[in-house]
Amino acid sequence: MLKAVLFDLDDTLYAYNPCHEEGINQLVSYLTLAWGLKKEDVLAKYESSRRIVHDQLKETAASHHRLLYMTKLCESFDKNPITYAKYLEEVYWKGYFSRMELNENVIPIFDDLVKRNVKIAIVTDLVAEIQYRKILYLGLEDYINVIVTSEEAGADKPNPAIFNLALNKLNLNSPDNVVFVGDSYSKDIFGANSVGIKAFWISNDTDPQKSNPMMIRVSDLKTLRGVIFDHV
């Protein structure tokens, strides 16, 4: 009998790209006006700043921190990050949240799980403060029993630590009767499988090499709702 479902957040319960694109659009709009910069220069410096942070911090939650990106961005334009970085971060996130929409199938799935007394956990990369904000914005707080971020676990997915921490917080001693739902094969599916958790991969990728007995591929969350209780 299914005891818990672990869900990825970004690009699983909502579409990440429209949000990120609007965040970047708002950042560019502000900097081209306030600092007199060209759009292409802002985009290039933002990307180089992001790469620097990722190279320095590798697979950790902090490597995704927009405040650190904005700090490097300010430095690249010889601007004081103490004065500007936090504001630029909020410009980005304001744009980001303005486009965030919960996938229409999430609430029906969560309702099905709650009715069956199945626990719901969010297992997600990035820093806790932002991921908590997302969950509250999406109105999911009353459904979720446990949230684990890579900041709390000390490592991004697919590191086993983040999945094991989720099991511990759910008071589950075994991965049996637990499933994971996510969109990334390398992070979500591989990571969950590595600790013995069966996973549903939300994807239209038909690569035969990305197939194993511990993974069920479904095209979308609507399809998942119809089959999630049949494979445990």
Protein backbone atom coordinates (compact mmCIF):
# COMPACT_ATOMS: atom_id res chain seq x y z
CA MET A 1 0.00 0.00 0.00
CA LEU A 2 1.29 3.44 -0.95
CA LYS A 3 2.48 5.36 2.11
CA ALA A 4 4.09 8.51 0.66
CA VAL A 5 4.70 10.34 -2.59
CA LEU A 6 7.74 12.60 -2.95
CA PHE A 7 7.36 15.36 -5.52
CA ASP A 8 9.90 17.54 -7.23
CA LEU A 9 8.72 21.17 -7.33
CA ASP A 10 10.22 23.15 -10.21
CA ASP A 11 9.03 22.04 -13.65
CA THR A 12 6.96 19.27 -12.08
CA LEU A 13 4.17 21.09 -10.22
CA TYR A 14 4.44 24.25 -12.31
CA ALA A 15 6.27 25.37 -15.47
CA TYR A 16 9.66 26.86 -14.62
CA ASN A 17 10.66 28.46 -17.94
CA PRO A 18 7.88 31.10 -18.26
CA CYS A 19 8.62 32.23 -14.71
CA HIS A 20 12.38 32.42 -15.21
CA GLU A 21 11.99 34.23 -18.52
CA GLU A 22 9.77 36.88 -16.94
CA GLY A 23 12.22 37.27 -14.06
CA ILE A 24 15.03 37.88 -16.52
CA ASN A 25 12.86 40.24 -18.57
CA GLN A 26 12.14 42.35 -15.50
CA LEU A 27 15.82 42.37 -14.54
CA VAL A 28 16.85 43.47 -18.02
CA SER A 29 14.15 46.14 -18.16
CA TYR A 30 15.29 47.60 -14.87
CA LEU A 31 19.01 47.60 -15.64
CA THR A 32 18.70 48.99 -19.15
CA LEU A 33 16.76 51.92 -17.68
CA ALA A 34 18.50 52.44 -14.33
CA TRP A 35 22.07 51.77 -15.40
CA GLY A 36 21.81 52.61 -19.10
CA LEU A 37 22.96 49.15 -20.16
CA LYS A 38 22.29 47.23 -23.35
CA LYS A 39 20.03 44.19 -23.14
CA GLU A 40 22.63 41.88 -24.65
CA ASP A 41 25.24 43.03 -22.12
CA VAL A 42 22.92 42.35 -19.18
CA LEU A 43 22.06 38.89 -20.49
CA ALA A 44 25.70 38.01 -21.13
CA LYS A 45 26.85 39.24 -17.73
CA TYR A 46 24.01 37.48 -15.94
CA GLU A 47 24.87 34.18 -17.60
CA SER A 48 28.58 34.54 -16.86
CA SER A 49 27.75 35.45 -13.24
CA ARG A 50 25.55 32.37 -12.94
CA ARG A 51 28.31 30.14 -14.32
CA ILE A 52 30.88 31.58 -11.90
CA VAL A 53 28.64 30.82 -8.92
CA HIS A 54 27.92 27.30 -10.15
CA ASP A 55 31.61 26.61 -10.77
CA GLN A 56 32.50 27.83 -7.28
CA LEU A 57 29.73 26.08 -5.36
CA LYS A 58 29.13 22.99 -7.52
CA GLU A 59 26.11 20.83 -6.58
CA THR A 60 24.89 22.79 -3.57
CA ALA A 61 21.77 24.81 -2.88
CA ALA A 62 23.78 28.02 -2.77
CA SER A 63 24.85 27.47 -6.38
CA HIS A 64 21.25 28.38 -7.37
CA HIS A 65 21.01 31.48 -5.17
CA ARG A 66 19.93 34.49 -7.24
CA LEU A 67 21.38 36.86 -4.64
CA LEU A 68 24.82 35.44 -5.40
CA TYR A 69 24.19 35.79 -9.13
CA MET A 70 23.22 39.43 -8.59
CA THR A 71 26.29 40.00 -6.46
CA LYS A 72 28.54 38.81 -9.28
CA LEU A 73 26.47 40.79 -11.77
CA CYS A 74 26.96 44.01 -9.79
CA GLU A 75 30.68 43.35 -9.52
CA SER A 76 30.93 42.80 -13.26
CA PHE A 77 29.48 46.29 -13.84
CA ASP A 78 31.55 47.87 -11.05
CA LYS A 79 28.49 48.50 -8.92
CA ASN A 80 28.38 48.03 -5.15
CA PRO A 81 26.55 44.72 -4.51
CA ILE A 82 25.68 45.78 -0.95
CA THR A 83 23.68 48.65 -2.45
CA TYR A 84 22.09 46.86 -5.39
CA ALA A 85 22.24 43.04 -5.26
CA LYS A 86 19.32 42.38 -2.91
CA TYR A 87 17.07 44.77 -4.82
CA LEU A 88 17.98 43.14 -8.14
CA GLU A 89 17.21 39.74 -6.67
CA GLU A 90 13.74 40.96 -5.70
CA VAL A 91 13.20 42.44 -9.17
CA TYR A 92 13.91 39.00 -10.61
CA TRP A 93 11.68 37.13 -8.18
CA LYS A 94 8.82 39.60 -8.54
CA GLY A 95 8.79 38.91 -12.26
CA TYR A 96 9.20 35.20 -11.65
CA PHE A 97 6.24 34.89 -9.29
CA SER A 98 4.04 36.98 -11.58
CA ARG A 99 4.04 34.11 -14.09
CA MET A 100 3.82 31.18 -11.69
CA GLU A 101 0.77 29.00 -12.21
CA LEU A 102 0.08 25.66 -10.57
CA ASN A 103 -0.46 22.79 -12.98
CA GLU A 104 -4.20 22.13 -13.07
CA ASN A 105 -3.72 18.46 -12.22
CA VAL A 106 -1.82 18.99 -8.97
CA ILE A 107 -4.78 19.61 -6.65
CA PRO A 108 -6.77 16.61 -7.95
CA ILE A 109 -3.73 14.37 -7.42
CA PHE A 110 -3.08 15.77 -3.96
CA ASP A 111 -6.75 15.36 -3.04
CA ASP A 112 -6.60 11.71 -4.14
CA LEU A 113 -3.54 11.14 -1.97
CA VAL A 114 -5.01 12.85 1.08
CA LYS A 115 -8.21 10.78 0.81
CA ARG A 116 -6.07 7.62 0.91
CA ASN A 117 -3.99 8.90 3.84
CA VAL A 118 -0.88 9.01 1.67
CA LYS A 119 1.72 11.49 2.89
CA ILE A 120 3.01 14.17 0.50
CA ALA A 121 6.57 15.50 0.50
CA ILE A 122 8.38 18.07 -1.60
CA VAL A 123 12.01 17.23 -2.37
CA THR A 124 13.65 20.10 -4.18
CA ASP A 125 16.94 21.78 -4.98
CA LEU A 126 17.61 25.45 -4.16
CA VAL A 127 17.51 27.40 -0.93
CA ALA A 128 14.71 26.86 1.57
CA GLU A 129 13.52 30.47 1.75
CA ILE A 130 12.65 30.62 -1.96
CA GLN A 131 11.14 27.15 -2.16
CA TYR A 132 8.93 27.85 0.85
CA ARG A 133 7.79 31.07 -0.85
CA LYS A 134 6.88 29.10 -3.98
CA ILE A 135 4.83 26.55 -2.06
CA LEU A 136 2.94 29.29 -0.21
CA TYR A 137 2.35 31.21 -3.45
CA LEU A 138 0.96 28.08 -5.09
CA GLY A 139 -1.31 27.45 -2.10
CA LEU A 140 -0.02 23.96 -1.36
CA GLU A 141 0.99 24.35 2.28
CA ASP A 142 -2.01 22.49 3.73
CA TYR A 143 -1.35 19.42 1.59
CA ILE A 144 2.33 18.95 2.30
CA ASN A 145 3.55 16.91 5.25
CA VAL A 146 7.27 17.39 4.66
CA ILE A 147 9.57 19.59 2.61
CA VAL A 148 13.26 18.89 2.08
CA THR A 149 15.48 21.34 0.22
CA SER A 150 19.02 20.76 -0.92
CA GLU A 151 20.02 23.55 1.45
CA GLU A 152 18.79 21.50 4.39
CA ALA A 153 20.22 18.24 3.05
CA GLY A 154 23.60 19.77 2.19
CA ALA A 155 23.57 18.59 -1.42
CA ASP A 156 21.53 18.81 -4.62
CA LYS A 157 19.77 15.87 -6.18
CA PRO A 158 20.73 13.18 -7.16
CA ASN A 159 22.77 12.94 -3.95
CA PRO A 160 21.17 10.21 -1.79
CA ALA A 161 21.24 12.51 1.26
CA ILE A 162 18.26 14.56 0.15
CA PHE A 163 16.09 11.49 -0.49
CA ASN A 164 17.11 9.76 2.72
CA LEU A 165 16.36 12.91 4.69
CA ALA A 166 12.87 12.97 3.21
CA LEU A 167 12.28 9.37 4.30
CA ASN A 168 13.55 10.17 7.78
CA LYS A 169 11.31 13.22 8.12
CA LEU A 170 8.36 11.09 7.03
CA ASN A 171 9.30 8.53 9.71
CA LEU A 172 9.68 5.83 7.07
CA ASN A 173 12.38 3.26 7.65
CA SER A 174 12.18 1.81 4.15
CA PRO A 175 11.70 3.08 0.57
CA ASP A 176 9.06 0.39 0.07
CA ASN A 177 5.61 1.78 -0.72
CA VAL A 178 7.12 5.19 -1.55
CA VAL A 179 7.31 6.77 -5.00
CA PHE A 180 8.98 9.86 -6.39
CA VAL A 181 7.55 12.13 -9.09
CA GLY A 182 9.84 14.41 -11.08
CA ASP A 183 10.81 15.74 -14.48
CA SER A 184 14.61 15.25 -14.47
CA TYR A 185 15.94 11.77 -15.21
CA SER A 186 19.47 12.54 -14.02
CA LYS A 187 18.43 14.27 -10.80
CA ASP A 188 14.98 13.01 -9.81
CA ILE A 189 14.72 9.53 -11.24
CA PHE A 190 18.34 8.42 -10.89
CA GLY A 191 18.55 9.91 -7.41
CA ALA A 192 15.34 8.30 -6.15
CA ASN A 193 16.22 4.94 -7.67
CA SER A 194 19.66 5.05 -6.06
CA VAL A 195 18.06 4.77 -2.61
CA GLY A 196 15.46 2.21 -3.67
CA ILE A 197 12.53 4.54 -4.37
CA LYS A 198 10.42 3.75 -7.42
CA ALA A 199 9.89 6.86 -9.57
CA PHE A 200 7.45 8.31 -12.06
CA TRP A 201 9.23 10.32 -14.74
CA ILE A 202 7.12 13.14 -16.19
CA SER A 203 8.58 13.25 -19.68
CA ASN A 204 8.01 12.60 -23.37
CA ASP A 205 11.63 11.47 -23.76
CA THR A 206 11.57 7.99 -25.30
CA ASP A 207 15.30 7.27 -25.06
CA PRO A 208 15.47 3.48 -24.43
CA GLN A 209 18.64 3.96 -22.37
CA LYS A 210 16.57 5.92 -19.85
CA SER A 211 14.52 2.95 -18.82
CA ASN A 212 14.65 0.63 -15.85
CA PRO A 213 12.32 -1.50 -13.70
CA MET A 214 12.29 1.16 -10.98
CA MET A 215 10.90 3.87 -13.27
CA ILE A 216 7.55 4.46 -14.96
CA ARG A 217 7.45 7.11 -17.66
CA VAL A 218 4.26 9.19 -17.97
CA SER A 219 3.68 12.09 -20.34
CA ASP A 220 2.07 14.46 -17.87
CA LEU A 221 0.46 14.83 -14.45
CA LYS A 222 -3.00 14.04 -15.82
CA THR A 223 -1.71 10.65 -16.94
CA LEU A 224 0.04 10.18 -13.59
CA ARG A 225 -3.24 10.61 -11.71
CA GLY A 226 -4.72 7.68 -13.57
CA VAL A 227 -1.90 5.26 -12.86
CA ILE A 228 -0.14 6.30 -9.66
CA PHE A 229 -1.97 3.76 -7.49
CA ASP A 230 -1.50 0.91 -9.97
CA HIS A 231 2.28 0.54 -9.72
CA VAL A 232 2.93 0.25 -6.02
